[in-house]
Amino acid sequence: MKAMLDVLSEERPRNKPLPTMGATGHDHAYANGIEVGFAACITTMKAMAVPLPNSEEIMATFENEDDDNG
């Protein structure tokens, strides 16, 4: 998985700049949107690689929660 994320990071759109001549404002806006989405994807994938902390299991008792009517 780490190797795949490394390859994905190397293929980021920001590593492939737009041509200096002939690129319009729309081209730059589109490229920026792709980079933002790509960065969010990589961040999400890295976050999914971190295990969640173990939580304490809650046992069901099926007791009445209202102490006054108990």
PDB file of N, CA and C in Angstrom:
ATOM      1  N   MET A   1       0.840  -1.195   0.000  1.00  0.00           N
ATOM      2  CA  MET A   1       0.000   0.000   0.000  1.00  0.00           C
ATOM      3  C   MET A   1       0.880   1.252   0.000  1.00  0.00           C
ATOM      4  N   LYS A   2       1.955   1.206   0.789  1.00  0.00           N
ATOM      5  CA  LYS A   2       2.845   2.369   0.835  1.00  0.00           C
ATOM      6  C   LYS A   2       3.445   2.643  -0.546  1.00  0.00           C
ATOM      7  N   ALA A   3       3.849   1.597  -1.239  1.00  0.00           N
ATOM      8  CA  ALA A   3       4.413   1.773  -2.577  1.00  0.00           C
ATOM      9  C   ALA A   3       3.381   2.368  -3.529  1.00  0.00           C
ATOM     10  N   MET A   4       2.130   1.930  -3.413  1.00  0.00           N
ATOM     11  CA  MET A   4       1.075   2.473  -4.270  1.00  0.00           C
ATOM     12  C   MET A   4       0.837   3.948  -3.972  1.00  0.00           C
ATOM     13  N   LEU A   5       0.854   4.339  -2.692  1.00  0.00           N
ATOM     14  CA  LEU A   5       0.679   5.744  -2.340  1.00  0.00           C
ATOM     15  C   LEU A   5       1.861   6.582  -2.829  1.00  0.00           C
ATOM     16  N   ASP A   6       3.063   6.015  -2.791  1.00  0.00           N
ATOM     17  CA  ASP A   6       4.230   6.731  -3.305  1.00  0.00           C
ATOM     18  C   ASP A   6       4.091   6.988  -4.808  1.00  0.00           C
ATOM     19  N   VAL A   7       3.642   5.979  -5.549  1.00  0.00           N
ATOM     20  CA  VAL A   7       3.433   6.148  -6.986  1.00  0.00           C
ATOM     21  C   VAL A   7       2.341   7.187  -7.238  1.00  0.00           C
ATOM     22  N   LEU A   8       1.270   7.110  -6.466  1.00  0.00           N
ATOM     23  CA  LEU A   8       0.172   8.063  -6.606  1.00  0.00           C
ATOM     24  C   LEU A   8       0.654   9.486  -6.345  1.00  0.00           C
ATOM     25  N   SER A   9       1.501   9.655  -5.333  1.00  0.00           N
ATOM     26  CA  SER A   9       2.036  10.982  -5.021  1.00  0.00           C
ATOM     27  C   SER A   9       2.925  11.505  -6.143  1.00  0.00           C
ATOM     28  N   GLU A  10       3.674  10.616  -6.761  1.00  0.00           N
ATOM     29  CA  GLU A  10       4.539  11.027  -7.876  1.00  0.00           C
ATOM     30  C   GLU A  10       3.733  11.434  -9.108  1.00  0.00           C
ATOM     31  N   GLU A  11       2.523  10.916  -9.237  1.00  0.00           N
ATOM     32  CA  GLU A  11       1.682  11.221 -10.401  1.00  0.00           C
ATOM     33  C   GLU A  11       0.782  12.424 -10.175  1.00  0.00           C
ATOM     34  N   ARG A  12       1.017  13.169  -9.098  1.00  0.00           N
ATOM     35  CA  ARG A  12       0.188  14.330  -8.813  1.00  0.00           C
ATOM     36  C   ARG A  12       0.201  15.311  -9.972  1.00  0.00           C
ATOM     37  N   PRO A  13      -0.924  15.940 -10.238  1.00  0.00           N
ATOM     38  CA  PRO A  13      -0.986  16.907 -11.344  1.00  0.00           C
ATOM     39  C   PRO A  13      -0.002  18.061 -11.189  1.00  0.00           C
ATOM     40  N   ARG A  14       0.321  18.452  -9.972  1.00  0.00           N
ATOM     41  CA  ARG A  14       1.239  19.583  -9.802  1.00  0.00           C
ATOM     42  C   ARG A  14       2.653  19.237 -10.277  1.00  0.00           C
ATOM     43  N   ASN A  15       2.942  17.952 -10.416  1.00  0.00           N
ATOM     44  CA  ASN A  15       4.240  17.541 -10.939  1.00  0.00           C
ATOM     45  C   ASN A  15       4.310  17.670 -12.460  1.00  0.00           C
ATOM     46  N   LYS A  16       3.178  17.993 -13.082  1.00  0.00           N
ATOM     47  CA  LYS A  16       3.108  18.171 -14.533  1.00  0.00           C
ATOM     48  C   LYS A  16       2.555  19.568 -14.818  1.00  0.00           C
ATOM     49  N   PRO A  17       3.430  20.565 -14.866  1.00  0.00           N
ATOM     50  CA  PRO A  17       2.943  21.954 -15.024  1.00  0.00           C
ATOM     51  C   PRO A  17       2.302  22.207 -16.381  1.00  0.00           C
ATOM     52  N   LEU A  18       1.450  23.209 -16.405  1.00  0.00           N
ATOM     53  CA  LEU A  18       0.818  23.650 -17.652  1.00  0.00           C
ATOM     54  C   LEU A  18       1.865  24.336 -18.534  1.00  0.00           C
ATOM     55  N   PRO A  19       1.623  24.359 -19.823  1.00  0.00           N
ATOM     56  CA  PRO A  19       2.562  25.084 -20.697  1.00  0.00           C
ATOM     57  C   PRO A  19       2.587  26.572 -20.344  1.00  0.00           C
ATOM     58  N   THR A  20       3.756  27.178 -20.441  1.00  0.00           N
ATOM     59  CA  THR A  20       3.863  28.601 -20.087  1.00  0.00           C
ATOM     60  C   THR A  20       3.180  29.500 -21.112  1.00  0.00           C
ATOM     61  N   MET A  21       3.051  29.034 -22.341  1.00  0.00           N
ATOM     62  CA  MET A  21       2.393  29.828 -23.390  1.00  0.00           C
ATOM     63  C   MET A  21       1.143  29.089 -23.848  1.00  0.00           C
ATOM     64  N   GLY A  22       0.031  29.801 -23.929  1.00  0.00           N
ATOM     65  CA  GLY A  22      -1.188  29.232 -24.474  1.00  0.00           C
ATOM     66  C   GLY A  22      -2.176  28.707 -23.447  1.00  0.00           C
ATOM     67  N   ALA A  23      -1.805  28.645 -22.177  1.00  0.00           N
ATOM     68  CA  ALA A  23      -2.736  28.182 -21.155  1.00  0.00           C
ATOM     69  C   ALA A  23      -3.601  29.358 -20.701  1.00  0.00           C
ATOM     70  N   THR A  24      -4.915  29.161 -20.703  1.00  0.00           N
ATOM     71  CA  THR A  24      -5.841  30.225 -20.318  1.00  0.00           C
ATOM     72  C   THR A  24      -6.118  30.178 -18.817  1.00  0.00           C
ATOM     73  N   GLY A  25      -6.832  31.162 -18.345  1.00  0.00           N
ATOM     74  CA  GLY A  25      -7.241  31.181 -16.938  1.00  0.00           C
ATOM     75  C   GLY A  25      -8.095  29.977 -16.598  1.00  0.00           C
ATOM     76  N   HIS A  26      -8.933  29.546 -17.538  1.00  0.00           N
ATOM     77  CA  HIS A  26      -9.764  28.362 -17.313  1.00  0.00           C
ATOM     78  C   HIS A  26      -8.905  27.113 -17.181  1.00  0.00           C
ATOM     79  N   ASP A  27      -7.833  27.030 -17.973  1.00  0.00           N
ATOM     80  CA  ASP A  27      -6.917  25.895 -17.874  1.00  0.00           C
ATOM     81  C   ASP A  27      -6.282  25.835 -16.480  1.00  0.00           C
ATOM     82  N   HIS A  28      -5.893  27.000 -15.974  1.00  0.00           N
ATOM     83  CA  HIS A  28      -5.276  27.053 -14.646  1.00  0.00           C
ATOM     84  C   HIS A  28      -6.284  26.713 -13.546  1.00  0.00           C
ATOM     85  N   ALA A  29      -7.497  27.202 -13.674  1.00  0.00           N
ATOM     86  CA  ALA A  29      -8.536  26.893 -12.691  1.00  0.00           C
ATOM     87  C   ALA A  29      -8.856  25.403 -12.693  1.00  0.00           C
ATOM     88  N   TYR A  30      -8.935  24.820 -13.888  1.00  0.00           N
ATOM     89  CA  TYR A  30      -9.208  23.387 -14.011  1.00  0.00           C
ATOM     90  C   TYR A  30      -8.074  22.571 -13.393  1.00  0.00           C
ATOM     91  N   ALA A  31      -6.833  22.955 -13.688  1.00  0.00           N
ATOM     92  CA  ALA A  31      -5.674  22.251 -13.138  1.00  0.00           C
ATOM     93  C   ALA A  31      -5.644  22.372 -11.618  1.00  0.00           C
ATOM     94  N   ASN A  32      -6.008  23.539 -11.096  1.00  0.00           N
ATOM     95  CA  ASN A  32      -6.044  23.717  -9.647  1.00  0.00           C
ATOM     96  C   ASN A  32      -7.109  22.816  -9.023  1.00  0.00           C
ATOM     97  N   GLY A  33      -8.267  22.723  -9.652  1.00  0.00           N
ATOM     98  CA  GLY A  33      -9.323  21.846  -9.141  1.00  0.00           C
ATOM     99  C   GLY A  33      -8.896  20.392  -9.135  1.00  0.00           C
ATOM    100  N   ILE A  34      -8.203  19.972 -10.168  1.00  0.00           N
ATOM    101  CA  ILE A  34      -7.714  18.589 -10.209  1.00  0.00           C
ATOM    102  C   ILE A  34      -6.713  18.356  -9.082  1.00  0.00           C
ATOM    103  N   GLU A  35      -5.807  19.306  -8.856  1.00  0.00           N
ATOM    104  CA  GLU A  35      -4.805  19.164  -7.796  1.00  0.00           C
ATOM    105  C   GLU A  35      -5.460  19.103  -6.423  1.00  0.00           C
ATOM    106  N   VAL A  36      -6.454  19.949  -6.188  1.00  0.00           N
ATOM    107  CA  VAL A  36      -7.139  19.954  -4.893  1.00  0.00           C
ATOM    108  C   VAL A  36      -7.840  18.608  -4.663  1.00  0.00           C
ATOM    109  N   GLY A  37      -8.512  18.095  -5.673  1.00  0.00           N
ATOM    110  CA  GLY A  37      -9.167  16.798  -5.542  1.00  0.00           C
ATOM    111  C   GLY A  37      -8.175  15.672  -5.353  1.00  0.00           C
ATOM    112  N   PHE A  38      -7.060  15.731  -6.058  1.00  0.00           N
ATOM    113  CA  PHE A  38      -6.021  14.708  -5.949  1.00  0.00           C
ATOM    114  C   PHE A  38      -5.435  14.722  -4.545  1.00  0.00           C
ATOM    115  N   ALA A  39      -5.156  15.921  -4.017  1.00  0.00           N
ATOM    116  CA  ALA A  39      -4.599  16.045  -2.667  1.00  0.00           C
ATOM    117  C   ALA A  39      -5.580  15.510  -1.627  1.00  0.00           C
ATOM    118  N   ALA A  40      -6.865  15.814  -1.795  1.00  0.00           N
ATOM    119  CA  ALA A  40      -7.876  15.317  -0.857  1.00  0.00           C
ATOM    120  C   ALA A  40      -7.958  13.796  -0.902  1.00  0.00           C
ATOM    121  N   CYS A  41      -7.840  13.226  -2.088  1.00  0.00           N
ATOM    122  CA  CYS A  41      -7.875  11.773  -2.246  1.00  0.00           C
ATOM    123  C   CYS A  41      -6.700  11.127  -1.521  1.00  0.00           C
ATOM    124  N   ILE A  42      -5.499  11.658  -1.723  1.00  0.00           N
ATOM    125  CA  ILE A  42      -4.317  11.090  -1.070  1.00  0.00           C
ATOM    126  C   ILE A  42      -4.422  11.225   0.445  1.00  0.00           C
ATOM    127  N   THR A  43      -4.877  12.374   0.924  1.00  0.00           N
ATOM    128  CA  THR A  43      -5.035  12.572   2.368  1.00  0.00           C
ATOM    129  C   THR A  43      -6.033  11.588   2.954  1.00  0.00           C
ATOM    130  N   THR A  44      -7.141  11.370   2.248  1.00  0.00           N
ATOM    131  CA  THR A  44      -8.156  10.427   2.716  1.00  0.00           C
ATOM    132  C   THR A  44      -7.614   9.010   2.739  1.00  0.00           C
ATOM    133  N   MET A  45      -6.882   8.623   1.710  1.00  0.00           N
ATOM    134  CA  MET A  45      -6.326   7.268   1.663  1.00  0.00           C
ATOM    135  C   MET A  45      -5.302   7.049   2.770  1.00  0.00           C
ATOM    136  N   LYS A  46      -4.485   8.059   3.047  1.00  0.00           N
ATOM    137  CA  LYS A  46      -3.513   7.946   4.145  1.00  0.00           C
ATOM    138  C   LYS A  46      -4.226   7.861   5.492  1.00  0.00           C
ATOM    139  N   ALA A  47      -5.313   8.604   5.657  1.00  0.00           N
ATOM    140  CA  ALA A  47      -6.069   8.562   6.905  1.00  0.00           C
ATOM    141  C   ALA A  47      -6.720   7.195   7.103  1.00  0.00           C
ATOM    142  N   MET A  48      -7.149   6.565   6.006  1.00  0.00           N
ATOM    143  CA  MET A  48      -7.763   5.240   6.121  1.00  0.00           C
ATOM    144  C   MET A  48      -6.737   4.176   6.484  1.00  0.00           C
ATOM    145  N   ALA A  49      -5.457   4.451   6.289  1.00  0.00           N
ATOM    146  CA  ALA A  49      -4.411   3.485   6.619  1.00  0.00           C
ATOM    147  C   ALA A  49      -4.104   3.453   8.111  1.00  0.00           C
ATOM    148  N   VAL A  50      -4.569   4.457   8.844  1.00  0.00           N
ATOM    149  CA  VAL A  50      -4.317   4.516  10.286  1.00  0.00           C
ATOM    150  C   VAL A  50      -5.442   3.782  11.006  1.00  0.00           C
ATOM    151  N   PRO A  51      -5.091   2.756  11.800  1.00  0.00           N
ATOM    152  CA  PRO A  51      -6.152   2.014  12.498  1.00  0.00           C
ATOM    153  C   PRO A  51      -6.869   2.890  13.531  1.00  0.00           C
ATOM    154  N   LEU A  52      -8.139   2.656  13.669  1.00  0.00           N
ATOM    155  CA  LEU A  52      -8.925   3.371  14.674  1.00  0.00           C
ATOM    156  C   LEU A  52      -8.581   2.830  16.055  1.00  0.00           C
ATOM    157  N   PRO A  53      -8.646   3.675  17.072  1.00  0.00           N
ATOM    158  CA  PRO A  53      -8.385   3.166  18.427  1.00  0.00           C
ATOM    159  C   PRO A  53      -9.483   2.187  18.835  1.00  0.00           C
ATOM    160  N   ASN A  54      -9.088   1.205  19.605  1.00  0.00           N
ATOM    161  CA  ASN A  54     -10.075   0.229  20.080  1.00  0.00           C
ATOM    162  C   ASN A  54     -11.004   0.894  21.080  1.00  0.00           C
ATOM    163  N   SER A  55     -12.266   0.625  20.930  1.00  0.00           N
ATOM    164  CA  SER A  55     -13.230   1.193  21.867  1.00  0.00           C
ATOM    165  C   SER A  55     -13.722   0.090  22.802  1.00  0.00           C
ATOM    166  N   GLU A  56     -14.168   0.514  23.943  1.00  0.00           N
ATOM    167  CA  GLU A  56     -14.667  -0.428  24.940  1.00  0.00           C
ATOM    168  C   GLU A  56     -16.033  -0.945  24.496  1.00  0.00           C
ATOM    169  N   GLU A  57     -16.207  -2.245  24.530  1.00  0.00           N
ATOM    170  CA  GLU A  57     -17.479  -2.825  24.121  1.00  0.00           C
ATOM    171  C   GLU A  57     -18.514  -2.578  25.215  1.00  0.00           C
ATOM    172  N   ILE A  58     -19.678  -2.133  24.813  1.00  0.00           N
ATOM    173  CA  ILE A  58     -20.761  -1.861  25.753  1.00  0.00           C
ATOM    174  C   ILE A  58     -21.711  -3.049  25.732  1.00  0.00           C
ATOM    175  N   MET A  59     -21.920  -3.615  26.885  1.00  0.00           N
ATOM    176  CA  MET A  59     -22.805  -4.766  26.988  1.00  0.00           C
ATOM    177  C   MET A  59     -24.248  -4.284  27.136  1.00  0.00           C
ATOM    178  N   ALA A  60     -25.152  -4.879  26.396  1.00  0.00           N
ATOM    179  CA  ALA A  60     -26.568  -4.531  26.479  1.00  0.00           C
ATOM    180  C   ALA A  60     -27.164  -5.171  27.728  1.00  0.00           C
ATOM    181  N   THR A  61     -27.771  -4.360  28.569  1.00  0.00           N
ATOM    182  CA  THR A  61     -28.384  -4.884  29.796  1.00  0.00           C
ATOM    183  C   THR A  61     -29.902  -4.886  29.713  1.00  0.00           C
ATOM    184  N   PHE A  62     -30.436  -4.092  28.814  1.00  0.00           N
ATOM    185  CA  PHE A  62     -31.891  -3.975  28.645  1.00  0.00           C
ATOM    186  C   PHE A  62     -32.580  -3.546  29.929  1.00  0.00           C
ATOM    187  N   GLU A  63     -31.879  -2.747  30.728  1.00  0.00           N
ATOM    188  CA  GLU A  63     -32.457  -2.217  31.964  1.00  0.00           C
ATOM    189  C   GLU A  63     -33.176  -0.911  31.652  1.00  0.00           C
ATOM    190  N   ASN A  64     -34.084  -0.527  32.523  1.00  0.00           N
ATOM    191  CA  ASN A  64     -34.813   0.720  32.397  1.00  0.00           C
ATOM    192  C   ASN A  64     -33.846   1.857  32.691  1.00  0.00           C
ATOM    193  N   GLU A  65     -33.741   2.817  31.800  1.00  0.00           N
ATOM    194  CA  GLU A  65     -32.831   3.938  31.990  1.00  0.00           C
ATOM    195  C   GLU A  65     -33.390   4.976  32.952  1.00  0.00           C
ATOM    196  N   ASP A  66     -34.668   4.986  33.173  1.00  0.00           N
ATOM    197  CA  ASP A  66     -35.301   5.966  34.046  1.00  0.00           C
ATOM    198  C   ASP A  66     -35.268   5.429  35.478  1.00  0.00           C
ATOM    199  N   ASP A  67     -34.422   6.041  36.329  1.00  0.00           N
ATOM    200  CA  ASP A  67     -34.264   5.571  37.710  1.00  0.00           C
ATOM    201  C   ASP A  67     -35.524   5.808  38.547  1.00  0.00           C
ATOM    202  N   ASP A  68     -36.327   6.841  38.235  1.00  0.00           N
ATOM    203  CA  ASP A  68     -37.503   7.159  39.038  1.00  0.00           C
ATOM    204  C   ASP A  68     -38.604   6.102  38.858  1.00  0.00           C
ATOM    205  N   ASN A  69     -38.706   5.468  37.702  1.00  0.00           N
ATOM    206  CA  ASN A  69     -39.758   4.493  37.453  1.00  0.00           C
ATOM    207  C   ASN A  69     -39.261   3.067  37.631  1.00  0.00           C
ATOM    208  N   GLY A  70     -38.028   2.874  38.064  1.00  0.00           N
ATOM    209  CA  GLY A  70     -37.374   1.607  38.111  1.00  0.00           C
ATOM    210  C   GLY A  70     -38.035   0.597  38.940  1.00  0.00           C
TER     211      GLY A  70
END
